[in-house]
Amino acid sequence: MKHRQPCQILAMLFLTGAVTFSLPEPSKSAGKGLFFCAQLHGKWNTFVKRKKRHMAIIEWTSNDFAESGWDNRKRCITVSDRFNQYESLLTNVKTSTVNGYPVVCVSTFKGGSCAKNQVLFTLKTGVNAQEVAKKLFEMNRYANTSTLKVTKQIFSYDTEGELNIDIYTFIDILELTIEASENEPR
């Protein structure tokens, strides 16, 4: 076994530290919760931690709020932290309007309303929140899900006609979809 010189060890520690510090800044609660923000292929994404892998669930590409200081990085970090904050309510994600803006928010029960302090993220005025939410959580953009037998639904509508999203069902189906695509013959 070859022994390393103290200078070599210090150099390796320094380089390891340099690599660690050059990684994207994770969200504040990255170590505490299931959700975190990081870059993937140069774009900010909200990720979910799973036993087998970390999966990107939202890619932040809109610059609609950049002029007001909410660039994609800041939105990603903030929303990832909100996902952690409202972790127990993510089966009741819905579209709504808060303060005149279309939003994606959480409700304390299915079909319930959203309070100002329950907004996951705000959308640009005039945008159809239901269309945006369906595109964000659309499974077909990841892989062909036609071969999967899915018993739960990601989307439903409440009595007010607002879209409800079960984020955990989305995550479970996404993981199954990824696994199925990995096992497809090439």
N, C-alpha and C. Protein backbone atom coordinates (compact mmCIF):
# COMPACT_ATOMS: atom_id res chain seq x y z
N MET A 1 0.84 -1.17 0.00
CA MET A 1 0.00 0.00 0.00
C MET A 1 0.89 1.24 0.00
N LYS A 2 0.53 2.16 -0.86
CA LYS A 2 1.34 3.37 -1.00
C LYS A 2 0.82 4.44 -0.04
N HIS A 3 1.70 5.03 0.74
CA HIS A 3 1.31 6.10 1.68
C HIS A 3 1.42 7.44 0.98
N ARG A 4 0.48 8.29 1.23
CA ARG A 4 0.47 9.62 0.62
C ARG A 4 1.19 10.60 1.54
N GLN A 5 1.82 11.56 0.93
CA GLN A 5 2.50 12.62 1.66
C GLN A 5 1.46 13.58 2.24
N PRO A 6 1.78 14.25 3.35
CA PRO A 6 0.84 15.21 3.94
C PRO A 6 0.41 16.29 2.95
N CYS A 7 1.29 16.74 2.08
CA CYS A 7 0.93 17.77 1.08
C CYS A 7 -0.10 17.24 0.10
N GLN A 8 0.05 15.97 -0.29
CA GLN A 8 -0.92 15.37 -1.21
C GLN A 8 -2.28 15.27 -0.54
N ILE A 9 -2.31 14.89 0.71
CA ILE A 9 -3.57 14.77 1.43
C ILE A 9 -4.24 16.13 1.55
N LEU A 10 -3.49 17.16 1.91
CA LEU A 10 -4.05 18.51 2.00
C LEU A 10 -4.56 18.98 0.65
N ALA A 11 -3.83 18.69 -0.42
CA ALA A 11 -4.27 19.09 -1.76
C ALA A 11 -5.58 18.40 -2.12
N MET A 12 -5.69 17.11 -1.79
CA MET A 12 -6.93 16.39 -2.08
C MET A 12 -8.09 16.94 -1.27
N LEU A 13 -7.88 17.27 -0.02
CA LEU A 13 -8.93 17.86 0.81
C LEU A 13 -9.36 19.21 0.26
N PHE A 14 -8.39 20.01 -0.18
CA PHE A 14 -8.70 21.31 -0.74
C PHE A 14 -9.54 21.15 -2.01
N LEU A 15 -9.12 20.24 -2.89
CA LEU A 15 -9.86 20.02 -4.13
C LEU A 15 -11.25 19.48 -3.86
N THR A 16 -11.39 18.58 -2.90
CA THR A 16 -12.70 18.07 -2.52
C THR A 16 -13.58 19.21 -2.01
N GLY A 17 -13.02 20.08 -1.20
CA GLY A 17 -13.76 21.24 -0.71
C GLY A 17 -14.16 22.16 -1.83
N ALA A 18 -13.28 22.37 -2.80
CA ALA A 18 -13.59 23.24 -3.93
C ALA A 18 -14.74 22.68 -4.74
N VAL A 19 -14.77 21.37 -4.94
CA VAL A 19 -15.86 20.74 -5.67
C VAL A 19 -17.16 20.89 -4.89
N THR A 20 -17.11 20.67 -3.60
CA THR A 20 -18.30 20.78 -2.77
C THR A 20 -18.88 22.19 -2.82
N PHE A 21 -18.02 23.19 -2.73
CA PHE A 21 -18.52 24.56 -2.73
C PHE A 21 -18.97 25.03 -4.11
N SER A 22 -18.61 24.34 -5.18
CA SER A 22 -19.03 24.78 -6.51
C SER A 22 -20.38 24.20 -6.91
N LEU A 23 -20.95 23.31 -6.08
CA LEU A 23 -22.26 22.76 -6.38
C LEU A 23 -23.32 23.83 -6.18
N PRO A 24 -24.48 23.71 -6.86
CA PRO A 24 -25.52 24.70 -6.67
C PRO A 24 -25.98 24.74 -5.22
N GLU A 25 -26.37 25.91 -4.79
CA GLU A 25 -26.86 26.07 -3.42
C GLU A 25 -28.18 25.34 -3.26
N PRO A 26 -28.27 24.39 -2.34
CA PRO A 26 -29.53 23.69 -2.14
C PRO A 26 -30.51 24.59 -1.38
N SER A 27 -31.77 24.21 -1.43
CA SER A 27 -32.75 24.97 -0.67
C SER A 27 -32.45 24.84 0.82
N LYS A 28 -32.97 25.78 1.60
CA LYS A 28 -32.68 25.81 3.03
C LYS A 28 -33.02 24.50 3.72
N SER A 29 -34.09 23.87 3.29
CA SER A 29 -34.53 22.65 3.97
C SER A 29 -34.11 21.39 3.22
N ALA A 30 -33.12 21.49 2.34
CA ALA A 30 -32.72 20.34 1.52
C ALA A 30 -32.36 19.13 2.36
N GLY A 31 -31.73 19.33 3.48
CA GLY A 31 -31.35 18.20 4.31
C GLY A 31 -32.47 17.72 5.22
N LYS A 32 -33.49 18.52 5.39
CA LYS A 32 -34.54 18.22 6.35
C LYS A 32 -35.77 17.58 5.73
N GLY A 33 -36.02 17.79 4.43
CA GLY A 33 -37.27 17.33 3.85
C GLY A 33 -37.08 16.48 2.62
N LEU A 34 -38.18 16.13 2.03
CA LEU A 34 -38.18 15.31 0.82
C LEU A 34 -37.81 16.11 -0.43
N PHE A 35 -38.01 17.41 -0.41
CA PHE A 35 -37.88 18.23 -1.62
C PHE A 35 -36.69 19.17 -1.51
N PHE A 36 -36.02 19.39 -2.64
CA PHE A 36 -34.89 20.32 -2.67
C PHE A 36 -34.75 20.89 -4.07
N CYS A 37 -33.99 21.95 -4.17
CA CYS A 37 -33.77 22.64 -5.43
C CYS A 37 -32.32 22.46 -5.85
N ALA A 38 -32.11 22.17 -7.12
CA ALA A 38 -30.76 22.06 -7.69
C ALA A 38 -30.87 22.20 -9.20
N GLN A 39 -29.73 22.36 -9.84
CA GLN A 39 -29.71 22.49 -11.29
C GLN A 39 -29.56 21.12 -11.94
N LEU A 40 -30.23 20.96 -13.07
CA LEU A 40 -30.11 19.79 -13.92
C LEU A 40 -30.00 20.29 -15.34
N HIS A 41 -28.90 19.98 -15.99
CA HIS A 41 -28.63 20.44 -17.36
C HIS A 41 -28.76 21.97 -17.47
N GLY A 42 -28.27 22.67 -16.43
CA GLY A 42 -28.25 24.13 -16.44
C GLY A 42 -29.57 24.79 -16.10
N LYS A 43 -30.59 24.02 -15.76
CA LYS A 43 -31.90 24.59 -15.41
C LYS A 43 -32.25 24.22 -13.98
N TRP A 44 -32.90 25.15 -13.29
CA TRP A 44 -33.29 24.93 -11.90
C TRP A 44 -34.49 23.99 -11.86
N ASN A 45 -34.43 23.01 -10.95
CA ASN A 45 -35.47 22.01 -10.80
C ASN A 45 -35.78 21.77 -9.34
N THR A 46 -37.05 21.52 -9.05
CA THR A 46 -37.45 21.01 -7.75
C THR A 46 -37.36 19.50 -7.84
N PHE A 47 -36.62 18.90 -6.91
CA PHE A 47 -36.43 17.46 -6.86
C PHE A 47 -37.14 16.87 -5.65
N VAL A 48 -37.45 15.59 -5.74
CA VAL A 48 -37.95 14.83 -4.60
C VAL A 48 -36.94 13.71 -4.33
N LYS A 49 -36.67 13.49 -3.05
CA LYS A 49 -35.77 12.41 -2.64
C LYS A 49 -36.58 11.13 -2.50
N ARG A 50 -36.12 10.07 -3.17
CA ARG A 50 -36.73 8.75 -3.04
C ARG A 50 -35.65 7.77 -2.62
N LYS A 51 -36.03 6.58 -2.22
CA LYS A 51 -35.05 5.58 -1.77
C LYS A 51 -34.07 5.23 -2.88
N LYS A 52 -34.57 5.05 -4.10
CA LYS A 52 -33.72 4.60 -5.20
C LYS A 52 -33.06 5.74 -5.98
N ARG A 53 -33.65 6.92 -5.94
CA ARG A 53 -33.14 8.02 -6.77
C ARG A 53 -33.74 9.35 -6.33
N HIS A 54 -33.15 10.41 -6.81
CA HIS A 54 -33.73 11.75 -6.68
C HIS A 54 -34.34 12.08 -8.04
N MET A 55 -35.58 12.56 -8.05
CA MET A 55 -36.27 12.81 -9.31
C MET A 55 -36.67 14.27 -9.42
N ALA A 56 -36.41 14.86 -10.58
CA ALA A 56 -36.86 16.22 -10.86
C ALA A 56 -38.36 16.18 -11.12
N ILE A 57 -39.11 17.01 -10.40
CA ILE A 57 -40.56 17.03 -10.60
C ILE A 57 -41.06 18.33 -11.22
N ILE A 58 -40.31 19.42 -11.05
CA ILE A 58 -40.67 20.69 -11.69
C ILE A 58 -39.41 21.32 -12.24
N GLU A 59 -39.42 21.65 -13.52
CA GLU A 59 -38.32 22.40 -14.14
C GLU A 59 -38.77 23.86 -14.25
N TRP A 60 -37.99 24.75 -13.68
CA TRP A 60 -38.35 26.16 -13.63
C TRP A 60 -37.78 26.87 -14.86
N THR A 61 -38.65 27.23 -15.81
CA THR A 61 -38.20 27.84 -17.06
C THR A 61 -38.83 29.20 -17.34
N SER A 62 -39.88 29.53 -16.64
CA SER A 62 -40.58 30.80 -16.89
C SER A 62 -39.82 31.97 -16.26
N ASN A 63 -39.73 33.04 -16.98
CA ASN A 63 -39.10 34.26 -16.45
C ASN A 63 -40.15 35.34 -16.17
N ASP A 64 -41.40 34.94 -15.99
CA ASP A 64 -42.50 35.88 -15.81
C ASP A 64 -42.34 36.81 -14.62
N PHE A 65 -41.63 36.37 -13.58
CA PHE A 65 -41.50 37.18 -12.38
C PHE A 65 -40.07 37.65 -12.13
N ALA A 66 -39.19 37.48 -13.10
CA ALA A 66 -37.77 37.82 -12.93
C ALA A 66 -37.57 39.31 -12.65
N GLU A 67 -38.35 40.17 -13.29
CA GLU A 67 -38.20 41.62 -13.08
C GLU A 67 -38.52 42.04 -11.66
N SER A 68 -39.37 41.26 -10.97
CA SER A 68 -39.71 41.59 -9.58
C SER A 68 -38.83 40.84 -8.59
N GLY A 69 -37.72 40.26 -9.08
CA GLY A 69 -36.77 39.61 -8.20
C GLY A 69 -36.99 38.12 -8.00
N TRP A 70 -37.97 37.55 -8.69
CA TRP A 70 -38.27 36.13 -8.54
C TRP A 70 -37.80 35.38 -9.78
N ASP A 71 -36.48 35.23 -9.90
CA ASP A 71 -35.93 34.46 -11.02
C ASP A 71 -36.16 32.97 -10.77
N ASN A 72 -35.79 32.14 -11.73
CA ASN A 72 -36.05 30.70 -11.62
C ASN A 72 -35.35 30.08 -10.42
N ARG A 73 -34.17 30.53 -10.09
CA ARG A 73 -33.44 30.00 -8.93
C ARG A 73 -34.20 30.28 -7.64
N LYS A 74 -34.61 31.53 -7.46
CA LYS A 74 -35.32 31.92 -6.24
C LYS A 74 -36.67 31.21 -6.14
N ARG A 75 -37.38 31.10 -7.26
CA ARG A 75 -38.68 30.40 -7.25
C ARG A 75 -38.48 28.93 -6.89
N CYS A 76 -37.46 28.32 -7.48
CA CYS A 76 -37.18 26.91 -7.22
C CYS A 76 -36.89 26.67 -5.74
N ILE A 77 -36.03 27.47 -5.17
CA ILE A 77 -35.67 27.32 -3.76
C ILE A 77 -36.89 27.54 -2.87
N THR A 78 -37.63 28.60 -3.14
CA THR A 78 -38.80 28.93 -2.32
C THR A 78 -39.87 27.86 -2.41
N VAL A 79 -40.17 27.42 -3.63
CA VAL A 79 -41.23 26.42 -3.80
C VAL A 79 -40.80 25.07 -3.23
N SER A 80 -39.54 24.70 -3.39
CA SER A 80 -39.05 23.45 -2.80
C SER A 80 -39.22 23.49 -1.28
N ASP A 81 -38.90 24.62 -0.68
CA ASP A 81 -39.08 24.78 0.77
C ASP A 81 -40.56 24.72 1.15
N ARG A 82 -41.43 25.30 0.32
CA ARG A 82 -42.87 25.24 0.59
C ARG A 82 -43.40 23.82 0.48
N PHE A 83 -42.89 23.05 -0.49
CA PHE A 83 -43.28 21.65 -0.60
C PHE A 83 -42.95 20.92 0.70
N ASN A 84 -41.80 21.21 1.28
CA ASN A 84 -41.43 20.60 2.56
C ASN A 84 -42.33 21.09 3.68
N GLN A 85 -42.62 22.38 3.69
CA GLN A 85 -43.46 22.97 4.72
C GLN A 85 -44.87 22.35 4.71
N TYR A 86 -45.41 22.12 3.52
CA TYR A 86 -46.78 21.60 3.39
C TYR A 86 -46.80 20.11 3.03
N GLU A 87 -45.73 19.40 3.39
CA GLU A 87 -45.58 18.00 3.01
C GLU A 87 -46.82 17.16 3.31
N SER A 88 -47.45 17.37 4.45
CA SER A 88 -48.62 16.56 4.83
C SER A 88 -49.87 16.92 4.02
N LEU A 89 -49.85 18.02 3.29
CA LEU A 89 -51.03 18.45 2.53
C LEU A 89 -50.87 18.25 1.02
N LEU A 90 -49.82 17.61 0.59
CA LEU A 90 -49.55 17.50 -0.85
C LEU A 90 -50.47 16.53 -1.57
N THR A 91 -51.39 15.91 -0.86
CA THR A 91 -52.44 15.14 -1.54
C THR A 91 -53.59 16.06 -1.91
N ASN A 92 -53.56 17.30 -1.43
CA ASN A 92 -54.62 18.27 -1.67
C ASN A 92 -54.09 19.52 -2.37
N VAL A 93 -53.27 19.35 -3.38
CA VAL A 93 -52.77 20.49 -4.16
C VAL A 93 -53.85 20.86 -5.16
N LYS A 94 -54.08 22.14 -5.31
CA LYS A 94 -55.15 22.57 -6.21
C LYS A 94 -54.80 23.88 -6.89
N THR A 95 -55.57 24.21 -7.88
CA THR A 95 -55.46 25.51 -8.53
C THR A 95 -56.53 26.41 -7.94
N SER A 96 -56.22 27.68 -7.88
CA SER A 96 -57.17 28.63 -7.31
C SER A 96 -56.72 30.04 -7.69
N THR A 97 -57.36 31.02 -7.08
CA THR A 97 -56.97 32.42 -7.24
C THR A 97 -56.79 33.00 -5.84
N VAL A 98 -55.65 33.64 -5.63
CA VAL A 98 -55.37 34.30 -4.35
C VAL A 98 -54.85 35.70 -4.68
N ASN A 99 -55.45 36.71 -4.06
CA ASN A 99 -55.09 38.12 -4.31
C ASN A 99 -55.16 38.49 -5.79
N GLY A 100 -56.08 37.87 -6.51
CA GLY A 100 -56.27 38.18 -7.92
C GLY A 100 -55.31 37.46 -8.86
N TYR A 101 -54.42 36.64 -8.34
CA TYR A 101 -53.46 35.89 -9.16
C TYR A 101 -53.85 34.41 -9.21
N PRO A 102 -53.66 33.78 -10.37
CA PRO A 102 -53.83 32.32 -10.41
C PRO A 102 -52.69 31.67 -9.64
N VAL A 103 -53.00 30.66 -8.85
CA VAL A 103 -51.98 30.01 -8.01
C VAL A 103 -52.15 28.50 -8.04
N VAL A 104 -51.09 27.83 -7.63
CA VAL A 104 -51.13 26.42 -7.27
C VAL A 104 -50.87 26.43 -5.77
N CYS A 105 -51.79 25.82 -5.00
CA CYS A 105 -51.74 25.94 -3.55
C CYS A 105 -52.14 24.62 -2.91
N VAL A 106 -52.12 24.59 -1.58
CA VAL A 106 -52.56 23.41 -0.84
C VAL A 106 -53.78 23.78 -0.02
N SER A 107 -54.60 22.78 0.19
CA SER A 107 -55.79 22.94 1.02
C SER A 107 -55.69 21.94 2.16
N THR A 108 -56.31 22.25 3.29
CA THR A 108 -56.25 21.36 4.44
C THR A 108 -57.09 20.09 4.22
N PHE A 109 -58.02 20.12 3.24
CA PHE A 109 -58.78 18.92 2.90
C PHE A 109 -59.18 19.00 1.43
N LYS A 110 -59.46 17.84 0.84
CA LYS A 110 -59.81 17.77 -0.58
C LYS A 110 -61.07 18.58 -0.84
N GLY A 111 -60.98 19.49 -1.79
CA GLY A 111 -62.11 20.35 -2.11
C GLY A 111 -62.15 21.62 -1.28
N GLY A 112 -61.25 21.76 -0.32
CA GLY A 112 -61.21 22.96 0.51
C GLY A 112 -60.61 24.13 -0.24
N SER A 113 -60.68 25.28 0.37
CA SER A 113 -60.11 26.48 -0.26
C SER A 113 -58.67 26.68 0.21
N CYS A 114 -57.98 27.58 -0.48
CA CYS A 114 -56.59 27.88 -0.15
C CYS A 114 -56.50 29.25 0.50
N ALA A 115 -55.74 29.32 1.56
CA ALA A 115 -55.48 30.60 2.21
C ALA A 115 -54.24 31.24 1.59
N LYS A 116 -54.04 32.53 1.85
CA LYS A 116 -52.86 33.24 1.33
C LYS A 116 -51.56 32.56 1.73
N ASN A 117 -51.53 32.00 2.93
CA ASN A 117 -50.30 31.39 3.42
C ASN A 117 -50.14 29.93 2.99
N GLN A 118 -50.98 29.47 2.06
CA GLN A 118 -50.90 28.08 1.58
C GLN A 118 -50.55 28.01 0.09
N VAL A 119 -50.05 29.09 -0.46
CA VAL A 119 -49.70 29.13 -1.88
C VAL A 119 -48.35 28.45 -2.09
N LEU A 120 -48.30 27.49 -3.01
CA LEU A 120 -47.03 26.87 -3.39
C LEU A 120 -46.30 27.78 -4.38
N PHE A 121 -47.02 28.23 -5.42
CA PHE A 121 -46.44 29.20 -6.35
C PHE A 121 -47.54 29.95 -7.09
N THR A 122 -47.18 31.16 -7.50
CA THR A 122 -48.07 32.08 -8.19
C THR A 122 -47.76 32.04 -9.67
N LEU A 123 -48.79 32.23 -10.47
CA LEU A 123 -48.64 32.28 -11.92
C LEU A 123 -48.96 33.68 -12.42
N LYS A 124 -48.59 33.95 -13.64
CA LYS A 124 -48.81 35.26 -14.26
C LYS A 124 -50.31 35.51 -14.44
N THR A 125 -50.74 36.75 -14.22
CA THR A 125 -52.13 37.12 -14.42
C THR A 125 -52.56 36.75 -15.84
N GLY A 126 -53.75 36.18 -15.94
CA GLY A 126 -54.28 35.79 -17.24
C GLY A 126 -53.95 34.37 -17.66
N VAL A 127 -53.06 33.72 -16.92
CA VAL A 127 -52.68 32.34 -17.24
C VAL A 127 -53.74 31.41 -16.65
N ASN A 128 -54.05 30.35 -17.38
CA ASN A 128 -54.99 29.34 -16.89
C ASN A 128 -54.22 28.39 -15.97
N ALA A 129 -54.46 28.50 -14.67
CA ALA A 129 -53.72 27.72 -13.68
C ALA A 129 -53.91 26.22 -13.88
N GLN A 130 -55.11 25.81 -14.28
CA GLN A 130 -55.37 24.39 -14.49
C GLN A 130 -54.53 23.84 -15.63
N GLU A 131 -54.42 24.58 -16.72
CA GLU A 131 -53.60 24.13 -17.86
C GLU A 131 -52.13 24.02 -17.47
N VAL A 132 -51.63 25.02 -16.74
CA VAL A 132 -50.23 25.01 -16.31
C VAL A 132 -49.98 23.82 -15.39
N ALA A 133 -50.85 23.61 -14.41
CA ALA A 133 -50.68 22.51 -13.47
C ALA A 133 -50.72 21.16 -14.18
N LYS A 134 -51.63 21.01 -15.13
CA LYS A 134 -51.71 19.74 -15.86
C LYS A 134 -50.43 19.50 -16.67
N LYS A 135 -49.88 20.55 -17.27
CA LYS A 135 -48.63 20.40 -18.02
C LYS A 135 -47.48 20.06 -17.08
N LEU A 136 -47.42 20.72 -15.93
CA LEU A 136 -46.34 20.45 -14.97
C LEU A 136 -46.34 19.01 -14.50
N PHE A 137 -47.52 18.48 -14.25
CA PHE A 137 -47.62 17.16 -13.65
C PHE A 137 -48.15 16.13 -14.65
N GLU A 138 -47.89 16.35 -15.93
CA GLU A 138 -48.30 15.42 -16.98
C GLU A 138 -47.29 14.29 -17.08
N MET A 139 -47.74 13.07 -16.98
CA MET A 139 -46.84 11.92 -16.99
C MET A 139 -46.26 11.63 -18.37
N ASN A 140 -47.01 11.86 -19.41
CA ASN A 140 -46.55 11.48 -20.75
C ASN A 140 -45.30 12.21 -21.19
N ARG A 141 -44.96 13.30 -20.54
CA ARG A 141 -43.73 14.00 -20.93
C ARG A 141 -42.49 13.24 -20.45
N TYR A 142 -42.66 12.31 -19.53
CA TYR A 142 -41.53 11.55 -19.00
C TYR A 142 -41.29 10.26 -19.77
N ALA A 143 -42.34 9.57 -20.10
CA ALA A 143 -42.20 8.30 -20.83
C ALA A 143 -43.60 7.81 -21.16
N ASN A 144 -43.66 6.72 -21.88
CA ASN A 144 -44.93 6.13 -22.25
C ASN A 144 -45.51 5.42 -21.03
N THR A 145 -46.65 5.92 -20.54
CA THR A 145 -47.26 5.32 -19.36
C THR A 145 -48.38 4.35 -19.74
N SER A 146 -48.59 4.13 -21.01
CA SER A 146 -49.71 3.29 -21.43
C SER A 146 -49.56 1.84 -20.95
N THR A 147 -48.36 1.38 -20.70
CA THR A 147 -48.16 0.01 -20.24
C THR A 147 -48.29 -0.14 -18.73
N LEU A 148 -48.34 0.98 -18.01
CA LEU A 148 -48.47 0.92 -16.55
C LEU A 148 -49.93 0.73 -16.16
N LYS A 149 -50.16 -0.08 -15.14
CA LYS A 149 -51.50 -0.23 -14.60
C LYS A 149 -51.59 0.69 -13.38
N VAL A 150 -52.27 1.79 -13.56
CA VAL A 150 -52.37 2.81 -12.52
C VAL A 150 -53.77 2.75 -11.93
N THR A 151 -53.85 2.59 -10.62
CA THR A 151 -55.15 2.51 -9.96
C THR A 151 -55.56 3.84 -9.34
N LYS A 152 -54.60 4.71 -9.10
CA LYS A 152 -54.91 6.02 -8.53
C LYS A 152 -54.82 7.08 -9.62
N GLN A 153 -55.55 8.16 -9.44
CA GLN A 153 -55.52 9.26 -10.39
C GLN A 153 -54.75 10.44 -9.80
N ILE A 154 -53.98 11.10 -10.64
CA ILE A 154 -53.24 12.29 -10.21
C ILE A 154 -54.20 13.47 -10.10
N PHE A 155 -55.11 13.60 -11.08
CA PHE A 155 -55.99 14.76 -11.16
C PHE A 155 -57.43 14.41 -10.83
N SER A 156 -58.12 15.36 -10.20
CA SER A 156 -59.56 15.29 -9.99
C SER A 156 -60.06 16.73 -9.91
N TYR A 157 -61.37 16.90 -9.92
CA TYR A 157 -61.95 18.24 -9.83
C TYR A 157 -62.88 18.30 -8.63
N ASP A 158 -62.85 19.45 -7.92
CA ASP A 158 -63.74 19.61 -6.78
C ASP A 158 -65.08 20.16 -7.25
N THR A 159 -66.00 20.38 -6.31
CA THR A 159 -67.35 20.84 -6.66
C THR A 159 -67.34 22.25 -7.27
N GLU A 160 -66.28 23.01 -7.02
CA GLU A 160 -66.17 24.36 -7.59
C GLU A 160 -65.53 24.34 -8.98
N GLY A 161 -65.14 23.15 -9.43
CA GLY A 161 -64.50 23.03 -10.75
C GLY A 161 -63.01 23.28 -10.73
N GLU A 162 -62.43 23.41 -9.54
CA GLU A 162 -60.99 23.62 -9.44
C GLU A 162 -60.27 22.27 -9.54
N LEU A 163 -59.12 22.30 -10.19
CA LEU A 163 -58.30 21.10 -10.36
C LEU A 163 -57.62 20.75 -9.04
N ASN A 164 -57.67 19.49 -8.66
CA ASN A 164 -56.96 18.97 -7.49
C ASN A 164 -55.90 18.00 -7.97
N ILE A 165 -54.72 18.06 -7.35
CA ILE A 165 -53.59 17.23 -7.74
C ILE A 165 -53.07 16.51 -6.51
N ASP A 166 -52.86 15.21 -6.65
CA ASP A 166 -52.25 14.42 -5.59
C ASP A 166 -50.77 14.27 -5.95
N ILE A 167 -49.92 15.08 -5.34
CA ILE A 167 -48.49 15.10 -5.67
C ILE A 167 -47.84 13.76 -5.37
N TYR A 168 -48.25 13.10 -4.29
CA TYR A 168 -47.64 11.81 -3.96
C TYR A 168 -47.99 10.74 -4.99
N THR A 169 -49.21 10.76 -5.51
CA THR A 169 -49.57 9.83 -6.58
C THR A 169 -48.72 10.14 -7.81
N PHE A 170 -48.58 11.43 -8.13
CA PHE A 170 -47.73 11.83 -9.26
C PHE A 170 -46.31 11.28 -9.08
N ILE A 171 -45.74 11.45 -7.90
CA ILE A 171 -44.37 11.00 -7.63
C ILE A 171 -44.27 9.48 -7.75
N ASP A 172 -45.24 8.76 -7.19
CA ASP A 172 -45.23 7.29 -7.27
C ASP A 172 -45.29 6.82 -8.73
N ILE A 173 -46.18 7.43 -9.51
CA ILE A 173 -46.32 7.04 -10.92
C ILE A 173 -45.07 7.43 -11.70
N LEU A 174 -44.51 8.59 -11.38
CA LEU A 174 -43.27 9.01 -12.05
C LEU A 174 -42.16 7.99 -11.80
N GLU A 175 -42.03 7.55 -10.57
CA GLU A 175 -40.99 6.58 -10.26
C GLU A 175 -41.23 5.26 -11.00
N LEU A 176 -42.48 4.80 -11.06
CA LEU A 176 -42.81 3.60 -11.81
C LEU A 176 -42.51 3.77 -13.30
N THR A 177 -42.81 4.96 -13.81
CA THR A 177 -42.56 5.27 -15.23
C THR A 177 -41.07 5.23 -15.54
N ILE A 178 -40.28 5.82 -14.68
CA ILE A 178 -38.83 5.83 -14.87
C ILE A 178 -38.28 4.41 -14.81
N GLU A 179 -38.75 3.62 -13.84
CA GLU A 179 -38.30 2.24 -13.71
C GLU A 179 -38.68 1.43 -14.95
N ALA A 180 -39.90 1.63 -15.45
CA ALA A 180 -40.35 0.90 -16.64
C ALA A 180 -39.52 1.27 -17.86
N SER A 181 -39.19 2.56 -17.98
CA SER A 181 -38.40 2.99 -19.14
C SER A 181 -36.96 2.46 -19.05
N GLU A 182 -36.46 2.31 -17.83
CA GLU A 182 -35.11 1.75 -17.65
C GLU A 182 -35.05 0.27 -18.01
N ASN A 183 -36.20 -0.41 -17.87
CA ASN A 183 -36.25 -1.84 -18.13
C ASN A 183 -36.70 -2.20 -19.54
N GLU A 184 -37.01 -1.17 -20.36
CA GLU A 184 -37.42 -1.43 -21.74
C GLU A 184 -36.23 -1.91 -22.55
N PRO A 185 -36.46 -2.87 -23.47
CA PRO A 185 -35.36 -3.31 -24.34
C PRO A 185 -34.94 -2.16 -25.26
N ARG A 186 -33.66 -2.08 -25.52
CA ARG A 186 -33.15 -1.00 -26.36
C ARG A 186 -32.61 -1.55 -27.64
